[in-house]
């Protein structure tokens, strides 16, 4: 997971990257956010690259998490019908 996150951060800041997982708000995005927090706490630089910018929760489910130009988005929580 760490290599995947570093790879995502290798893209330019001008491009927006979306990480979508259908029903990922209860598992996939939690694992991603936990790993980001661990990487941020282990980072010795003053760089805030792995710092979580925005976190939107609803009843314990991650609806949206933003880190720099990366967005985690659970499409199942935003589709009705």
Protein backbone atom coordinates (compact mmCIF):
# COMPACT_ATOMS: atom_id res chain seq x y z
CA UNK A 1 0.00 0.00 0.00
CA UNK A 2 2.89 2.34 0.78
CA UNK A 3 4.34 1.99 -2.73
CA UNK A 4 0.89 2.66 -4.21
CA UNK A 5 0.49 5.86 -2.17
CA UNK A 6 3.97 7.10 -3.10
CA UNK A 7 3.17 6.38 -6.75
CA UNK A 8 -0.07 8.42 -6.52
CA UNK A 9 1.85 11.34 -5.04
CA UNK A 10 4.31 11.19 -7.94
CA UNK A 11 1.69 12.70 -10.28
CA UNK A 12 1.85 16.44 -10.80
CA UNK A 13 -0.09 18.70 -8.47
CA UNK A 14 -2.05 20.07 -11.44
CA UNK A 15 -3.83 16.77 -12.00
CA UNK A 16 -6.66 15.65 -9.73
CA UNK A 17 -6.64 11.97 -8.78
CA UNK A 18 -9.81 10.19 -7.66
CA UNK A 19 -9.73 6.94 -5.74
CA UNK A 20 -13.18 5.39 -6.07
CA UNK A 21 -14.34 2.23 -4.38
CA UNK A 22 -17.94 1.13 -4.47
CA UNK A 23 -18.87 0.88 -0.79
CA UNK A 24 -15.25 1.73 0.07
CA UNK A 25 -16.31 4.06 2.88
CA UNK A 26 -16.51 1.17 5.33
CA UNK A 27 -13.26 -0.64 4.51
CA UNK A 28 -11.06 0.38 1.56
CA UNK A 29 -10.88 4.08 2.33
CA UNK A 30 -10.36 3.39 6.05
CA UNK A 31 -7.26 1.34 5.23
CA UNK A 32 -6.03 4.05 2.87
CA UNK A 33 -6.54 6.82 5.46
CA UNK A 34 -4.93 4.74 8.23
CA UNK A 35 -1.86 4.15 6.07
CA UNK A 36 -1.67 7.85 5.14
CA UNK A 37 -1.81 8.83 8.81
CA UNK A 38 0.93 6.34 9.64
CA UNK A 39 3.11 7.60 6.79
CA UNK A 40 2.53 11.21 7.89
CA UNK A 41 3.47 10.44 11.50
CA UNK A 42 6.65 8.64 10.36
CA UNK A 43 7.65 11.43 7.99
CA UNK A 44 10.66 13.32 9.35
CA UNK A 45 10.42 16.17 6.83
CA UNK A 46 8.46 19.34 7.35
CA UNK A 47 6.61 18.30 4.18
CA UNK A 48 2.88 17.93 4.73
CA UNK A 49 2.49 15.74 1.65
CA UNK A 50 0.75 12.88 3.47
CA UNK A 51 -1.32 15.09 5.79
CA UNK A 52 -5.08 14.58 5.56
CA UNK A 53 -6.64 17.85 4.35
CA UNK A 54 -10.33 17.01 4.56
CA UNK A 55 -12.36 14.17 6.02
CA UNK A 56 -16.15 13.88 5.69
CA UNK A 57 -17.77 11.21 7.87
CA UNK A 58 -21.37 10.07 8.22
CA UNK A 59 -22.22 7.45 10.87
CA UNK A 60 -18.61 6.24 10.83
CA UNK A 61 -18.44 5.91 7.04
CA UNK A 62 -15.87 7.94 5.12
CA UNK A 63 -17.82 9.81 2.46
CA UNK A 64 -14.81 11.79 1.25
CA UNK A 65 -11.17 12.11 2.22
CA UNK A 66 -8.80 14.60 0.59
CA UNK A 67 -5.00 14.67 0.69
CA UNK A 68 -3.40 17.22 -1.61
CA UNK A 69 -4.59 16.37 -5.11
CA UNK A 70 -5.98 12.94 -4.10
CA UNK A 71 -9.67 12.41 -3.36
CA UNK A 72 -11.19 9.24 -1.93
CA UNK A 73 -14.84 9.07 -2.90
CA UNK A 74 -17.45 6.38 -2.20
CA UNK A 75 -19.79 6.43 -5.14
CA UNK A 76 -22.35 4.13 -3.47
CA UNK A 77 -23.04 6.79 -0.83
CA UNK A 78 -23.89 9.39 -3.46
CA UNK A 79 -26.10 7.38 -5.82
CA UNK A 80 -29.81 7.12 -5.14
CA UNK A 81 -32.29 4.74 -6.67
